[in-house]
Protein backbone atom coordinates (compact mmCIF):
# COMPACT_ATOMS: atom_id res chain seq x y z
CA MET A 1 16.80 14.00 6.86
CA SER A 2 19.73 15.96 5.41
CA ALA A 3 19.70 19.71 4.82
CA GLN A 4 19.33 19.10 1.09
CA GLU A 5 16.37 16.78 1.72
CA ARG A 6 14.74 19.34 4.01
CA ILE A 7 15.04 21.94 1.27
CA GLY A 8 13.54 19.49 -1.22
CA ARG A 9 10.67 18.84 1.15
CA ALA A 10 9.95 22.54 1.55
CA VAL A 11 10.02 23.11 -2.22
CA ALA A 12 7.81 20.12 -2.98
CA ARG A 13 5.22 21.07 -0.37
CA ALA A 14 5.24 24.73 -1.42
CA GLN A 15 4.23 23.71 -4.94
CA ARG A 16 0.84 22.61 -3.63
CA ARG A 17 0.02 26.26 -2.95
CA LEU A 18 1.15 27.64 -6.31
CA PRO A 19 -1.34 28.59 -9.05
CA LYS A 20 -1.83 25.87 -11.62
CA SER A 21 -0.65 28.20 -14.38
CA VAL A 22 2.71 28.56 -12.61
CA LEU A 23 3.06 24.79 -12.20
CA ARG A 24 2.34 24.23 -15.88
CA ARG A 25 4.94 26.78 -16.95
CA ARG A 26 7.47 25.25 -14.58
CA HIS A 27 6.86 21.54 -15.22
CA GLY A 28 4.85 21.34 -18.42
CA GLN A 29 1.45 19.81 -19.06
CA PRO A 30 0.75 16.57 -17.18
CA PRO A 31 0.35 13.48 -19.35
CA THR A 32 -2.97 12.10 -20.55
CA VAL A 33 -3.14 8.31 -20.88
CA ASP A 34 -6.12 5.97 -21.24
CA GLY A 35 -8.44 8.97 -21.26
CA HIS A 36 -7.28 10.44 -17.95
CA THR A 37 -4.94 13.34 -17.17
CA LEU A 38 -2.52 13.00 -14.27
CA ASP A 39 -3.14 15.28 -11.30
CA LEU A 40 -1.05 18.41 -11.84
CA HIS A 41 0.41 18.40 -8.33
CA ILE A 42 1.55 14.78 -8.62
CA HIS A 43 3.03 15.61 -12.03
CA ALA A 44 4.96 18.53 -10.49
CA PHE A 45 6.18 16.36 -7.60
CA ALA A 46 7.27 13.65 -10.04
CA GLU A 47 9.27 16.17 -12.07
CA LEU A 48 11.06 17.35 -8.93
CA VAL A 49 11.88 13.82 -7.82
CA LYS A 50 13.03 12.72 -11.27
CA GLY A 51 15.20 15.83 -11.54
CA ALA A 52 16.86 15.08 -8.21
CA GLN A 53 17.41 11.45 -9.22
CA ALA A 54 18.97 12.49 -12.54
CA ARG A 55 21.47 14.72 -10.71
CA SER A 56 22.50 11.86 -8.44
CA GLU A 57 22.71 9.11 -11.06
CA GLY A 58 25.92 7.22 -11.68
CA GLY A 59 26.02 4.63 -8.93
CA GLU A 60 24.82 1.05 -8.96
CA VAL A 61 21.08 0.53 -8.52
CA THR A 62 20.83 -1.71 -5.45
CA PRO A 63 18.00 -2.45 -3.03
CA GLU A 64 19.72 -0.20 -0.48
CA VAL A 65 19.83 2.73 -2.91
CA VAL A 66 16.20 2.26 -3.93
CA ARG A 67 15.13 1.92 -0.28
CA ALA A 68 16.82 5.19 0.64
CA ALA A 69 15.28 7.05 -2.31
CA PHE A 70 11.82 5.71 -1.52
CA ARG A 71 12.17 6.60 2.15
CA THR A 72 13.04 10.17 1.22
CA MET A 73 10.12 10.39 -1.20
CA ALA A 74 7.70 9.20 1.49
CA GLU A 75 9.13 11.62 4.06
CA ILE A 76 8.70 14.54 1.66
CA GLY A 77 5.33 13.60 0.21
CA SER A 78 3.34 12.18 3.12
CA ALA A 79 0.73 14.28 4.88
CA ASP A 80 1.02 14.79 8.63
CA PRO A 81 -0.24 11.87 10.74
CA VAL A 82 -3.37 12.12 12.89
CA SER A 83 -2.04 13.46 16.18
CA SER A 84 -4.79 11.99 18.38
CA VAL A 85 -3.77 8.41 17.54
CA SER A 86 -1.27 6.91 19.99
CA VAL A 87 1.61 4.98 18.44
CA HIS A 88 4.20 2.61 19.81
CA ASP A 89 6.59 0.03 18.40
CA ARG A 90 7.37 -3.44 19.66
CA THR A 91 8.39 -6.84 18.41
CA ILE A 92 6.55 -10.15 18.37
CA PRO A 93 7.81 -13.70 17.86
CA GLY A 94 8.08 -14.36 14.13
CA PRO A 95 8.85 -17.42 12.01
CA ALA A 96 12.50 -16.36 11.69
CA GLY A 97 13.04 -14.34 14.84
CA GLU A 98 11.65 -11.14 16.28
CA LEU A 99 9.16 -9.41 13.96
CA PRO A 100 8.79 -5.61 14.37
CA ILE A 101 5.26 -4.20 14.47
CA ARG A 102 3.77 -0.77 15.12
CA LEU A 103 0.55 -0.37 17.08
CA TYR A 104 -1.91 2.47 16.45
CA HIS A 105 -4.60 3.07 19.08
CA PRO A 106 -7.44 5.51 18.40
CA THR A 107 -9.09 7.63 21.04
CA ARG A 108 -11.66 5.21 22.43
CA THR A 109 -13.75 5.23 25.60
CA SER A 110 -14.78 1.60 26.16
CA GLY A 111 -15.36 -1.81 24.64
CA ARG A 112 -13.41 -4.09 22.34
CA ALA A 113 -12.17 -2.42 19.16
CA ASP A 114 -11.93 -3.77 15.65
CA ALA A 115 -8.39 -4.49 14.47
CA ILE A 116 -6.67 -4.05 11.12
CA VAL A 117 -3.46 -5.96 10.43
CA PHE A 118 -1.68 -3.73 7.93
CA PHE A 119 1.07 -4.49 5.38
CA HIS A 120 3.08 -1.69 3.76
CA GLN A 121 3.91 -1.15 0.09
CA GLY A 122 7.28 -1.69 -1.59
CA GLY A 123 7.22 -4.63 -4.00
CA GLY A 124 8.53 -7.03 -1.36
CA VAL A 125 11.92 -5.28 -1.51
CA ILE A 126 11.56 -1.75 -0.08
CA GLY A 127 9.42 0.01 2.50
CA ASP A 128 9.12 -0.25 6.28
CA LEU A 129 6.95 0.76 9.22
CA ASP A 130 7.38 4.45 8.38
CA THR A 131 6.21 4.15 4.76
CA ASP A 132 2.45 4.15 5.40
CA HIS A 133 2.57 5.73 8.85
CA THR A 134 0.15 8.55 8.01
CA LEU A 135 -2.35 6.21 6.36
CA CYS A 136 -2.28 3.91 9.40
CA THR A 137 -3.16 6.83 11.68
CA MET A 138 -6.01 7.77 9.34
CA LEU A 139 -7.35 4.21 9.36
CA ALA A 140 -7.14 3.99 13.15
CA GLU A 141 -9.02 7.26 13.58
CA ALA A 142 -11.64 6.77 10.85
CA CYS A 143 -12.37 3.14 11.74
CA GLN A 144 -11.84 3.54 15.50
CA ALA A 145 -9.76 0.41 15.14
CA VAL A 146 -6.42 -0.75 16.49
CA VAL A 147 -4.07 -0.91 13.51
CA ILE A 148 -1.13 -3.31 13.69
CA SER A 149 1.43 -2.51 10.99
CA VAL A 150 3.84 -5.36 10.20
CA ASP A 151 7.48 -4.97 9.18
CA TYR A 152 7.63 -8.23 7.25
CA ARG A 153 10.90 -9.54 5.83
CA LEU A 154 12.06 -8.25 2.44
CA GLY A 155 14.05 -9.59 -0.49
CA PRO A 156 16.71 -10.09 -1.63
CA GLU A 157 17.89 -10.84 1.91
CA HIS A 158 14.70 -12.84 2.54
CA PRO A 159 13.12 -13.79 -0.80
CA PHE A 160 9.55 -14.92 -1.42
CA PRO A 161 7.70 -16.46 0.36
CA ALA A 162 9.23 -14.96 3.54
CA ASP A 163 6.88 -11.96 3.32
CA VAL A 164 3.87 -14.26 3.12
CA VAL A 165 5.05 -16.42 6.01
CA ASP A 166 5.53 -13.35 8.21
CA SER A 167 2.16 -11.88 7.23
CA LEU A 168 0.28 -15.06 8.10
CA ALA A 169 2.12 -15.37 11.40
CA ALA A 170 1.46 -11.74 12.33
CA TYR A 171 -2.26 -12.08 11.63
CA GLN A 172 -2.48 -15.19 13.80
CA TRP A 173 -0.54 -13.46 16.58
CA VAL A 174 -3.08 -10.62 16.63
CA VAL A 175 -5.97 -13.08 16.86
CA ASP A 176 -4.22 -15.03 19.63
CA HIS A 177 -3.40 -11.87 21.62
CA ALA A 178 -6.66 -10.02 21.09
CA ASP A 179 -7.30 -9.69 24.82
CA GLY A 180 -4.03 -7.91 25.45
CA LEU A 181 -4.58 -5.63 22.46
CA GLY A 182 -8.11 -4.74 23.50
CA VAL A 183 -9.62 -6.00 20.27
CA ASP A 184 -12.34 -8.46 19.29
CA PRO A 185 -10.67 -11.62 17.88
CA ALA A 186 -13.67 -12.15 15.60
CA ARG A 187 -13.28 -8.68 14.08
CA VAL A 188 -9.73 -8.58 12.75
CA ALA A 189 -9.40 -7.25 9.20
CA VAL A 190 -6.39 -7.07 6.89
CA GLY A 191 -5.28 -4.19 4.71
CA GLY A 192 -2.38 -2.81 2.78
CA THR A 193 -0.98 -0.80 -0.08
CA SER A 194 0.41 -2.31 -3.30
CA GLN A 195 2.50 -5.30 -2.14
CA GLY A 196 0.67 -5.03 1.17
CA GLY A 197 -2.65 -5.29 -0.66
CA LYS A 198 -1.42 -8.48 -2.25
CA LEU A 199 -0.35 -9.86 1.12
CA SER A 200 -3.78 -9.01 2.52
CA ALA A 201 -5.48 -10.98 -0.26
CA VAL A 202 -3.07 -13.87 0.29
CA VAL A 203 -3.82 -13.99 4.02
CA CYS A 204 -7.54 -14.23 3.25
CA GLN A 205 -7.08 -17.01 0.69
CA GLN A 206 -4.47 -19.00 2.60
CA ARG A 207 -6.47 -19.04 5.81
CA ARG A 208 -9.39 -20.52 3.91
CA ARG A 209 -7.09 -23.17 2.42
CA ASP A 210 -5.82 -23.91 5.94
CA GLY A 211 -9.35 -24.16 7.36
CA LEU A 212 -8.92 -21.14 9.62
CA ALA A 213 -11.30 -18.30 10.40
CA LEU A 214 -11.14 -15.59 7.74
CA PRO A 215 -10.41 -11.91 8.32
CA LEU A 216 -13.34 -9.59 8.87
CA ALA A 217 -12.59 -7.66 5.67
CA GLN A 218 -9.78 -6.90 3.22
CA LEU A 219 -8.77 -3.29 2.50
CA LEU A 220 -6.67 -3.14 -0.68
CA LEU A 221 -5.17 0.11 -1.97
CA TYR A 222 -3.68 -0.09 -5.49
CA PRO A 223 -2.88 -3.80 -4.97
CA GLY A 224 -0.62 -5.90 -7.17
CA VAL A 225 -2.29 -9.30 -7.20
CA ASP A 226 -0.95 -11.03 -10.33
CA ALA A 227 2.77 -11.35 -11.04
CA THR A 228 1.95 -13.03 -14.37
CA TRP A 229 -0.20 -10.14 -15.68
CA GLU A 230 0.50 -8.89 -19.22
CA GLY A 231 -1.04 -6.14 -21.32
CA ALA A 232 -3.67 -3.50 -20.47
CA SER A 233 -2.37 -0.93 -17.96
CA ARG A 234 0.91 -2.78 -17.58
CA ASP A 235 1.59 -1.71 -21.18
CA SER A 236 -0.08 1.70 -21.27
CA MET A 237 1.51 2.69 -17.94
CA ALA A 238 4.89 1.03 -18.52
CA GLU A 239 6.65 4.41 -18.18
CA ALA A 240 4.51 5.68 -15.28
CA TRP A 241 5.95 7.22 -12.12
CA PRO A 242 6.71 6.17 -9.42
CA LEU A 243 6.00 2.58 -10.51
CA SER A 244 7.11 1.54 -13.99
CA GLU A 245 7.66 -1.73 -15.82
CA THR A 246 11.37 -1.48 -15.11
CA THR A 247 10.68 -1.10 -11.39
CA LEU A 248 8.28 -4.04 -11.41
CA GLN A 249 10.95 -6.22 -12.99
CA PHE A 250 13.50 -5.03 -10.42
CA PHE A 251 11.12 -5.98 -7.60
CA ALA A 252 10.45 -9.42 -9.10
CA LEU A 253 14.15 -10.16 -9.49
CA ALA A 254 15.19 -8.84 -6.07
CA GLY A 255 12.16 -10.34 -4.32
CA GLY A 256 12.70 -13.83 -5.70
CA VAL A 257 9.49 -14.02 -7.75
CA ASP A 258 10.66 -15.73 -10.93
CA GLU A 259 8.40 -17.29 -13.57
CA ARG A 260 7.93 -20.43 -11.53
CA ALA A 261 7.09 -18.54 -8.33
CA ALA A 262 4.80 -16.12 -10.16
CA ILE A 263 2.11 -18.77 -10.68
CA ASP A 264 2.04 -19.58 -6.95
CA ARG A 265 -1.21 -18.24 -5.50
CA ARG A 266 0.84 -16.77 -2.65
CA ALA A 267 2.61 -14.54 -5.20
CA SER A 268 -0.42 -14.06 -7.45
CA PRO A 269 -3.68 -14.30 -5.49
CA GLY A 270 -5.42 -12.85 -8.53
CA LEU A 271 -5.01 -16.26 -10.20
CA GLU A 272 -7.21 -17.95 -7.60
CA GLU A 273 -10.39 -19.20 -9.29
CA ASN A 274 -12.41 -20.11 -6.19
CA LEU A 275 -13.15 -16.78 -4.50
CA ALA A 276 -16.56 -17.62 -3.07
CA GLY A 277 -16.82 -16.83 0.61
CA GLN A 278 -13.89 -14.41 0.70
CA PRO A 279 -14.19 -11.46 3.12
CA PRO A 280 -15.84 -8.21 2.00
CA ALA A 281 -13.35 -6.08 0.11
CA LEU A 282 -12.50 -2.43 -0.41
CA ILE A 283 -10.38 -2.06 -3.54
CA VAL A 284 -9.13 1.30 -4.79
CA THR A 285 -7.05 1.49 -7.95
CA ALA A 286 -5.13 4.40 -9.46
CA GLY A 287 -5.36 5.53 -13.07
CA PHE A 288 -1.62 6.09 -13.59
CA ASP A 289 -0.50 2.70 -12.36
CA PRO A 290 0.66 -0.41 -14.26
CA LEU A 291 -1.13 -2.48 -11.57
CA ARG A 292 -4.50 -0.81 -12.23
CA SER A 293 -5.95 -3.42 -14.58
CA GLN A 294 -5.17 -6.39 -12.36
CA GLY A 295 -6.66 -4.62 -9.35
CA ASP A 296 -9.80 -3.84 -11.34
CA ALA A 297 -9.96 -7.45 -12.53
CA TYR A 298 -9.66 -8.77 -8.97
CA ALA A 299 -12.51 -6.54 -7.84
CA ALA A 300 -14.62 -7.88 -10.71
CA SER A 301 -13.70 -11.51 -9.91
CA LEU A 302 -14.65 -11.09 -6.25
CA THR A 303 -17.94 -9.48 -7.25
CA GLU A 304 -18.71 -12.33 -9.66
CA ALA A 305 -18.03 -14.79 -6.81
CA GLY A 306 -20.68 -13.07 -4.70
CA VAL A 307 -18.30 -11.18 -2.43
CA THR A 308 -19.31 -7.70 -1.25
CA VAL A 309 -16.92 -5.26 -2.95
CA MET A 310 -16.51 -1.50 -2.68
CA HIS A 311 -14.43 -0.53 -5.71
CA ARG A 312 -13.28 2.95 -6.70
CA TRP A 313 -10.94 4.06 -9.47
CA GLU A 314 -8.92 7.22 -8.80
CA GLY A 315 -8.30 7.97 -12.47
CA THR A 316 -6.14 11.08 -12.11
CA LEU A 317 -3.81 9.69 -9.43
CA SER A 318 -0.65 7.61 -9.55
CA HIS A 319 0.53 4.51 -7.75
CA SER A 320 1.59 5.29 -4.16
CA PHE A 321 -0.67 8.35 -4.01
CA SER A 322 -1.31 7.70 -0.31
CA ILE A 323 2.23 8.93 0.48
CA MET A 324 1.70 12.15 -1.50
CA GLY A 325 -0.92 13.90 0.61
CA ALA A 326 1.40 16.78 1.52
CA VAL A 327 2.09 17.62 -2.14
CA SER A 328 -1.30 16.87 -3.74
CA LYS A 329 -4.72 17.90 -2.48
CA ALA A 330 -6.34 15.22 -4.67
CA ALA A 331 -4.06 12.52 -3.26
CA ASP A 332 -4.81 13.64 0.29
CA ALA A 333 -8.56 13.61 -0.36
CA ALA A 334 -8.41 10.15 -1.96
CA THR A 335 -6.38 8.74 0.94
CA ARG A 336 -8.86 10.10 3.47
CA ALA A 337 -11.72 8.71 1.36
CA PHE A 338 -10.06 5.28 1.48
CA ALA A 339 -9.98 5.44 5.29
CA ASP A 340 -13.62 6.59 5.42
CA ASP A 341 -14.69 3.81 3.03
CA ALA A 342 -12.83 1.30 5.20
CA ALA A 343 -14.81 2.50 8.20
CA ARG A 344 -18.08 2.05 6.32
CA LEU A 345 -17.12 -1.44 5.17
CA LEU A 346 -16.10 -2.55 8.66
CA ALA A 347 -19.31 -1.15 10.13
CA LYS A 348 -21.32 -3.37 7.79
CA ALA A 349 -19.15 -6.48 8.19
């Protein structure tokens, strides 16, 4: 992190401690859309980030530029990881070569642990093992589970369905190597944020289509499950931050999800009509998110199919709120609640 980025981090985190009246004078009133008002601390963070981006504009918008900006945002905004969770990186054999993963082990005395195969956010174009690092430590600690975060391939270098192929392979690797990981092969869940939530849903559906044992549960945080979705929050939140309609279109183009690919259930698991027998689901959606309506609809469809669903709507929070815990108390609380809900769901599964 550069000196300028360290200063930005200090300023952004200091805002969390300022009186709300000061934040309003400095950044204005947060927007109210669809009957909900954006969390003031996220609004203040957004104004800082957008101001920094405006000062650096002028170059070509490329995946590399967007990746760097997102990495900086996550470094500044993310809460500190859970220190008691042990972490180490390694690679596993993947469909196109070595596939990086990160293992999170909670403090545990004995017995086989549950496992969660985790997929990060980023629209299939950005993000990496560091993006959701803090959330993975929270899940490992709250669920007392081994979390295996997967650095799946990204577009445009590796367009759709490379991310799906890697995700399916990583899940099967965990099941096959459960003994070495110290986990129960019959108790391996999937989970992820945004694009990672979609990949989690795809793994569940594809394994049923392939006649394979299904994951124990699916943990979906502000998932994007329908690349064909139009209207509702995709319209009302078209100018939202950090995910907007323009950004969604950039991800689709760079990730190789054109109109033909969008109707593929591997790109749009929300289009799947036969959801009976899918694993229990935790689905949390954010109010200020163009993906909100499709996530809500998927929760409703699973419920109608008889699937056990825990569904919560964080109406005052934005997309990617789980990487804003250091700058927003509400985002931090909601992220920890997601981990606690995941623990409750796994305990019942």
